[in-house]
Amino acid sequence: MTNAANTPSLPSLPKRRVTTPGIMLTVLIALLPAIAVRAWFAGHAWLLMLLASCLVAILLETLVLRLRGRPVSLARLDGSVLITAVLLLLVLPAATPWWLAVTGTGFAVIVGKHMFGGLGQNIFNPVLVGYLGLLALFPMHLTSPAAMTLAGNQSLATVSLSLAIMAGGLLLLGRRIISWHIPLAVLLTTGLVFYVFTPALNSYLALLLVFFIATEPVTSPGTRRGKLVYGALIGLMSTALTIWLPYSVAIAATVLAANAVTPTLDQLIRHDRKRHQPQEGV
């Protein structure tokens, strides 16, 4: 019998170091299928609009960092503003004028992100801040029938985009960039798990919410129970608001409201956990 004590132990493999730029790169890769599908149905004009928005996002990020006296380097340009630009372009109707998309991107970067202190300090999702800012300033451009037309076959475009976003979301789950708690809570409370491919419900927006917007780590709870409550809150509120509002507007208003209560939610859950811990010496 082999003596276990004399058996040399194998060296442990080093843990993969997770960095902010690495996370952002993974999210951008997860968004590539959705970008490709939207560009296919909306045409090259949408792709050029996306490139312009990304360029504006990078330029504004650089400018704001300089104005704030922060060093500008590749480490500082972590890619978060690119994700903001891409998500905003996916939330906006495909026929949105280019100048409106660029304006929304600027609003998201300056107001949604840097007005609250920059990466890791913003309390509201910058994408939705940009969207609601545009909605307040230019409502007719976002709610007219022409603006809501995706391009070509609406049903096919919606289903294809839904599949692309779902593929990206599964990648984020598989890479553990996001956890399952918020997506599951949102899906269960809205019942979208049964209607995920129904164009009338704007299913691609629902999936974008579930995998990419509601799960933003900075503006969502850090505890598991908090994530479940947060997801359920978003699901219930967004479903209720769709009675009076377009689905995209309902999503934006709901997530920003949930962002506002996130610190309180985490605090209450941590306090409850401490209260139920056994006391020493009892």
Protein backbone atom coordinates (compact mmCIF):
# COMPACT_ATOMS: atom_id res chain seq x y z
CA MET A 1 0.00 0.00 0.00
CA THR A 2 1.35 3.42 -0.90
CA ASN A 3 2.17 5.69 1.98
CA ALA A 4 0.13 8.84 1.53
CA ALA A 5 2.58 10.80 3.64
CA ASN A 6 5.37 10.11 1.15
CA THR A 7 3.30 11.02 -1.89
CA PRO A 8 4.37 14.38 -3.26
CA SER A 9 1.53 16.86 -3.43
CA LEU A 10 0.75 18.48 -6.74
CA PRO A 11 1.27 22.24 -6.87
CA SER A 12 -1.99 24.16 -6.71
CA LEU A 13 -2.93 26.06 -9.82
CA PRO A 14 -2.96 29.82 -9.41
CA LYS A 15 -6.41 31.37 -9.32
CA ARG A 16 -7.40 33.39 -12.34
CA ARG A 17 -7.11 37.05 -11.47
CA VAL A 18 -10.32 38.88 -12.25
CA THR A 19 -9.81 42.50 -13.27
CA THR A 20 -12.29 45.22 -14.15
CA PRO A 21 -11.06 45.49 -17.77
CA GLY A 22 -11.30 41.70 -18.03
CA ILE A 23 -14.91 41.75 -16.84
CA MET A 24 -15.77 44.56 -19.24
CA LEU A 25 -14.17 42.68 -22.12
CA THR A 26 -16.24 39.59 -21.33
CA VAL A 27 -19.43 41.66 -21.27
CA LEU A 28 -18.53 43.24 -24.62
CA ILE A 29 -17.92 39.78 -26.09
CA ALA A 30 -21.30 38.66 -24.73
CA LEU A 31 -22.91 41.62 -26.52
CA LEU A 32 -21.36 40.80 -29.91
CA PRO A 33 -24.17 38.43 -31.03
CA ALA A 34 -26.79 41.10 -30.28
CA ILE A 35 -24.74 43.74 -32.08
CA ALA A 36 -24.43 41.50 -35.14
CA VAL A 37 -28.16 40.70 -35.25
CA ARG A 38 -29.25 44.32 -34.77
CA ALA A 39 -26.81 45.47 -37.47
CA TRP A 40 -28.06 42.75 -39.85
CA PHE A 41 -31.70 43.83 -39.57
CA ALA A 42 -31.21 47.57 -39.06
CA GLY A 43 -28.51 48.00 -41.69
CA HIS A 44 -25.08 49.58 -41.86
CA ALA A 45 -26.45 52.97 -40.76
CA TRP A 46 -27.14 51.56 -37.30
CA LEU A 47 -23.63 50.11 -37.11
CA LEU A 48 -22.13 53.49 -38.03
CA MET A 49 -24.31 55.09 -35.36
CA LEU A 50 -22.99 52.58 -32.83
CA LEU A 51 -19.39 53.33 -33.78
CA ALA A 52 -20.03 57.07 -33.46
CA SER A 53 -21.60 56.60 -30.03
CA CYS A 54 -18.66 54.47 -28.85
CA LEU A 55 -16.20 57.09 -30.08
CA VAL A 56 -18.09 59.86 -28.31
CA ALA A 57 -18.19 57.77 -25.12
CA ILE A 58 -14.41 57.28 -25.15
CA LEU A 59 -13.72 60.95 -25.92
CA LEU A 60 -16.03 62.16 -23.16
CA GLU A 61 -14.58 59.66 -20.70
CA THR A 62 -11.09 60.94 -21.48
CA LEU A 63 -12.17 64.58 -21.23
CA VAL A 64 -13.97 64.14 -17.91
CA LEU A 65 -11.04 62.24 -16.39
CA ARG A 66 -8.70 65.07 -17.40
CA LEU A 67 -11.04 67.71 -15.99
CA ARG A 68 -11.21 65.79 -12.72
CA GLY A 69 -7.43 65.60 -12.57
CA ARG A 70 -7.37 61.84 -12.99
CA PRO A 71 -4.60 60.17 -15.00
CA VAL A 72 -5.78 59.03 -18.42
CA SER A 73 -4.43 55.62 -19.39
CA LEU A 74 -5.60 52.31 -20.81
CA ALA A 75 -6.16 51.16 -17.23
CA ARG A 76 -8.55 54.05 -16.66
CA LEU A 77 -10.34 53.43 -19.95
CA ASP A 78 -11.64 50.07 -18.73
CA GLY A 79 -14.34 49.66 -21.34
CA SER A 80 -17.35 50.46 -19.16
CA VAL A 81 -18.34 53.41 -21.35
CA LEU A 82 -18.29 51.15 -24.41
CA ILE A 83 -20.76 48.83 -22.68
CA THR A 84 -22.90 51.87 -21.83
CA ALA A 85 -22.91 52.99 -25.47
CA VAL A 86 -23.74 49.51 -26.81
CA LEU A 87 -26.55 48.87 -24.32
CA LEU A 88 -28.08 52.29 -24.94
CA LEU A 89 -28.09 51.68 -28.71
CA LEU A 90 -29.78 48.32 -28.14
CA VAL A 91 -32.43 49.87 -25.88
CA LEU A 92 -33.16 52.72 -28.31
CA PRO A 93 -35.35 52.04 -31.35
CA ALA A 94 -33.25 51.03 -34.36
CA ALA A 95 -34.51 54.01 -36.38
CA THR A 96 -33.32 56.54 -33.78
CA PRO A 97 -31.51 59.51 -35.41
CA TRP A 98 -27.74 59.34 -35.01
CA TRP A 99 -27.52 62.68 -33.22
CA LEU A 100 -30.04 61.47 -30.65
CA ALA A 101 -28.02 58.33 -29.94
CA VAL A 102 -24.84 60.37 -29.55
CA THR A 103 -26.60 62.83 -27.24
CA GLY A 104 -27.94 59.99 -25.11
CA THR A 105 -24.49 58.43 -24.87
CA GLY A 106 -23.03 61.73 -23.70
CA PHE A 107 -25.81 62.13 -21.15
CA ALA A 108 -25.23 58.61 -19.86
CA VAL A 109 -21.46 59.07 -19.50
CA ILE A 110 -21.46 62.56 -18.00
CA VAL A 111 -24.63 62.56 -15.90
CA GLY A 112 -25.26 58.86 -15.30
CA LYS A 113 -21.66 57.90 -14.54
CA HIS A 114 -19.35 60.80 -13.67
CA MET A 115 -21.81 63.11 -11.94
CA PHE A 116 -22.02 60.46 -9.21
CA GLY A 117 -18.26 59.96 -8.95
CA GLY A 118 -17.37 57.63 -11.80
CA LEU A 119 -16.97 53.88 -12.12
CA GLY A 120 -18.02 52.02 -8.98
CA GLN A 121 -19.71 55.03 -7.38
CA ASN A 122 -22.74 55.68 -9.57
CA ILE A 123 -25.96 54.77 -7.78
CA PHE A 124 -28.10 54.67 -10.93
CA ASN A 125 -27.61 52.66 -14.10
CA PRO A 126 -25.98 55.08 -16.61
CA VAL A 127 -27.68 53.43 -19.60
CA LEU A 128 -31.14 54.08 -18.22
CA VAL A 129 -30.21 57.57 -17.06
CA GLY A 130 -29.26 58.31 -20.67
CA TYR A 131 -32.45 56.76 -22.00
CA LEU A 132 -34.78 58.62 -19.65
CA GLY A 133 -32.85 61.83 -20.31
CA LEU A 134 -33.55 61.45 -24.03
CA LEU A 135 -37.16 60.54 -23.34
CA ALA A 136 -37.62 63.71 -21.30
CA LEU A 137 -35.98 65.95 -23.92
CA PHE A 138 -37.11 64.29 -27.17
CA PRO A 139 -40.18 62.13 -26.45
CA MET A 140 -41.58 62.19 -29.99
CA HIS A 141 -38.38 60.77 -31.48
CA LEU A 142 -38.54 57.70 -29.24
CA THR A 143 -42.25 56.93 -29.16
CA SER A 144 -43.41 57.58 -32.74
CA PRO A 145 -44.50 54.54 -34.81
CA ALA A 146 -41.64 55.09 -37.26
CA ALA A 147 -39.07 55.05 -34.47
CA MET A 148 -40.43 51.80 -33.08
CA THR A 149 -39.92 49.95 -36.37
CA LEU A 150 -36.89 47.69 -36.08
CA ALA A 151 -36.42 46.92 -39.80
CA GLY A 152 -37.70 44.30 -42.18
CA ASN A 153 -39.59 41.45 -40.54
CA GLN A 154 -40.39 42.63 -37.01
CA SER A 155 -41.14 39.15 -35.68
CA LEU A 156 -38.00 37.57 -37.11
CA ALA A 157 -35.84 40.46 -35.95
CA THR A 158 -37.22 40.29 -32.41
CA VAL A 159 -36.80 36.53 -32.12
CA SER A 160 -33.26 36.66 -33.54
CA LEU A 161 -32.27 39.48 -31.20
CA SER A 162 -33.79 37.62 -28.26
CA LEU A 163 -31.73 34.52 -29.05
CA ALA A 164 -28.57 36.61 -29.43
CA ILE A 165 -29.07 38.35 -26.09
CA MET A 166 -29.87 35.05 -24.39
CA ALA A 167 -26.65 33.55 -25.75
CA GLY A 168 -24.69 36.48 -24.33
CA GLY A 169 -26.47 36.19 -21.00
CA LEU A 170 -25.66 32.49 -20.74
CA LEU A 171 -22.01 33.34 -21.41
CA LEU A 172 -22.04 35.81 -18.52
CA LEU A 173 -23.61 33.19 -16.26
CA GLY A 174 -21.12 30.54 -17.37
CA ARG A 175 -18.17 32.85 -16.76
CA ARG A 176 -19.68 33.88 -13.40
CA ILE A 177 -19.67 37.53 -14.37
CA ILE A 178 -23.27 37.64 -13.13
CA SER A 179 -25.13 35.35 -10.72
CA TRP A 180 -28.43 33.60 -11.39
CA HIS A 181 -30.34 35.30 -8.58
CA ILE A 182 -31.51 38.49 -10.31
CA PRO A 183 -32.34 36.92 -13.72
CA LEU A 184 -34.34 34.12 -12.11
CA ALA A 185 -36.22 36.46 -9.79
CA VAL A 186 -37.16 38.80 -12.64
CA LEU A 187 -38.26 35.96 -14.92
CA LEU A 188 -40.34 34.21 -12.27
CA THR A 189 -42.15 37.35 -11.16
CA THR A 190 -43.02 38.51 -14.67
CA GLY A 191 -43.78 35.15 -16.25
CA LEU A 192 -41.60 36.04 -19.23
CA VAL A 193 -40.13 32.57 -19.13
CA PHE A 194 -43.27 31.48 -21.00
CA TYR A 195 -43.39 34.46 -23.40
CA VAL A 196 -39.73 35.01 -24.15
CA PHE A 197 -40.23 34.95 -27.91
CA THR A 198 -43.39 37.05 -28.10
CA PRO A 199 -42.62 40.24 -30.09
CA ALA A 200 -45.55 42.11 -28.58
CA LEU A 201 -43.84 41.94 -25.20
CA ASN A 202 -40.55 43.27 -26.58
CA SER A 203 -38.86 40.11 -25.35
CA TYR A 204 -35.40 41.22 -26.41
CA LEU A 205 -35.73 44.23 -24.10
CA ALA A 206 -36.83 41.92 -21.31
CA LEU A 207 -33.78 39.70 -21.82
CA LEU A 208 -31.52 42.74 -22.06
CA LEU A 209 -32.94 43.81 -18.71
CA VAL A 210 -32.52 40.36 -17.16
CA PHE A 211 -28.93 39.67 -18.20
CA PHE A 212 -27.20 43.00 -18.83
CA ILE A 213 -28.99 45.90 -17.13
CA ALA A 214 -30.51 44.70 -13.86
CA THR A 215 -27.37 42.70 -13.04
CA GLU A 216 -24.96 45.65 -13.13
CA PRO A 217 -22.87 45.01 -9.99
CA VAL A 218 -22.49 48.64 -8.93
CA THR A 219 -26.19 49.45 -8.80
CA SER A 220 -27.57 46.06 -7.68
CA PRO A 221 -27.41 44.43 -4.22
CA GLY A 222 -24.34 42.54 -3.10
CA THR A 223 -26.13 39.91 -1.00
CA ARG A 224 -27.86 36.84 -2.45
CA ARG A 225 -31.13 37.51 -0.67
CA GLY A 226 -30.88 41.12 -1.72
CA LYS A 227 -30.48 40.09 -5.36
CA LEU A 228 -33.60 37.91 -5.18
CA VAL A 229 -35.70 40.67 -3.61
CA TYR A 230 -34.26 43.21 -6.05
CA GLY A 231 -35.09 41.03 -9.05
CA ALA A 232 -38.60 40.33 -7.80
CA LEU A 233 -39.16 44.04 -7.21
CA ILE A 234 -38.09 44.85 -10.77
CA GLY A 235 -40.26 42.09 -12.21
CA LEU A 236 -43.39 43.12 -10.33
CA MET A 237 -43.00 46.86 -10.87
CA SER A 238 -42.16 46.62 -14.57
CA THR A 239 -45.13 44.33 -15.18
CA ALA A 240 -47.47 46.73 -13.38
CA LEU A 241 -46.15 49.82 -15.16
CA THR A 242 -46.64 48.30 -18.62
CA ILE A 243 -50.37 48.88 -18.10
CA TRP A 244 -49.75 52.62 -18.50
CA LEU A 245 -46.29 52.93 -20.09
CA PRO A 246 -44.40 51.46 -23.04
CA TYR A 247 -42.30 48.49 -21.94
CA SER A 248 -38.94 50.24 -22.45
CA VAL A 249 -40.05 53.19 -20.32
CA ALA A 250 -41.44 50.86 -17.65
CA ILE A 251 -38.12 49.01 -17.50
CA ALA A 252 -36.11 52.21 -17.17
CA ALA A 253 -38.30 53.69 -14.45
CA THR A 254 -38.43 50.40 -12.54
CA VAL A 255 -34.70 49.70 -12.54
CA LEU A 256 -33.80 53.25 -11.51
CA ALA A 257 -36.30 53.02 -8.65
CA ALA A 258 -34.80 49.68 -7.60
CA ASN A 259 -31.30 51.20 -7.84
CA ALA A 260 -32.38 53.85 -5.35
CA VAL A 261 -33.39 51.29 -2.71
CA THR A 262 -30.41 48.96 -3.24
CA PRO A 263 -28.27 50.37 -0.37
CA THR A 264 -31.22 50.17 2.03
CA LEU A 265 -32.04 46.65 0.87
CA ASP A 266 -28.51 45.40 1.49
CA GLN A 267 -28.37 47.14 4.86
CA LEU A 268 -31.65 45.59 6.01
CA ILE A 269 -30.60 42.09 4.96
CA ARG A 270 -27.18 42.36 6.64
CA HIS A 271 -28.83 43.69 9.80
CA ASP A 272 -31.33 40.82 9.77
CA ARG A 273 -28.50 38.31 9.29
CA LYS A 274 -26.59 39.71 12.28
CA ARG A 275 -29.75 39.68 14.39
CA HIS A 276 -30.26 35.96 13.75
CA GLN A 277 -26.64 34.98 14.41
CA PRO A 278 -26.14 33.13 17.73
CA GLN A 279 -24.69 35.33 20.43
CA GLU A 280 -21.43 34.26 22.09
CA GLY A 281 -21.78 33.11 25.68
CA VAL A 282 -25.50 32.40 25.39
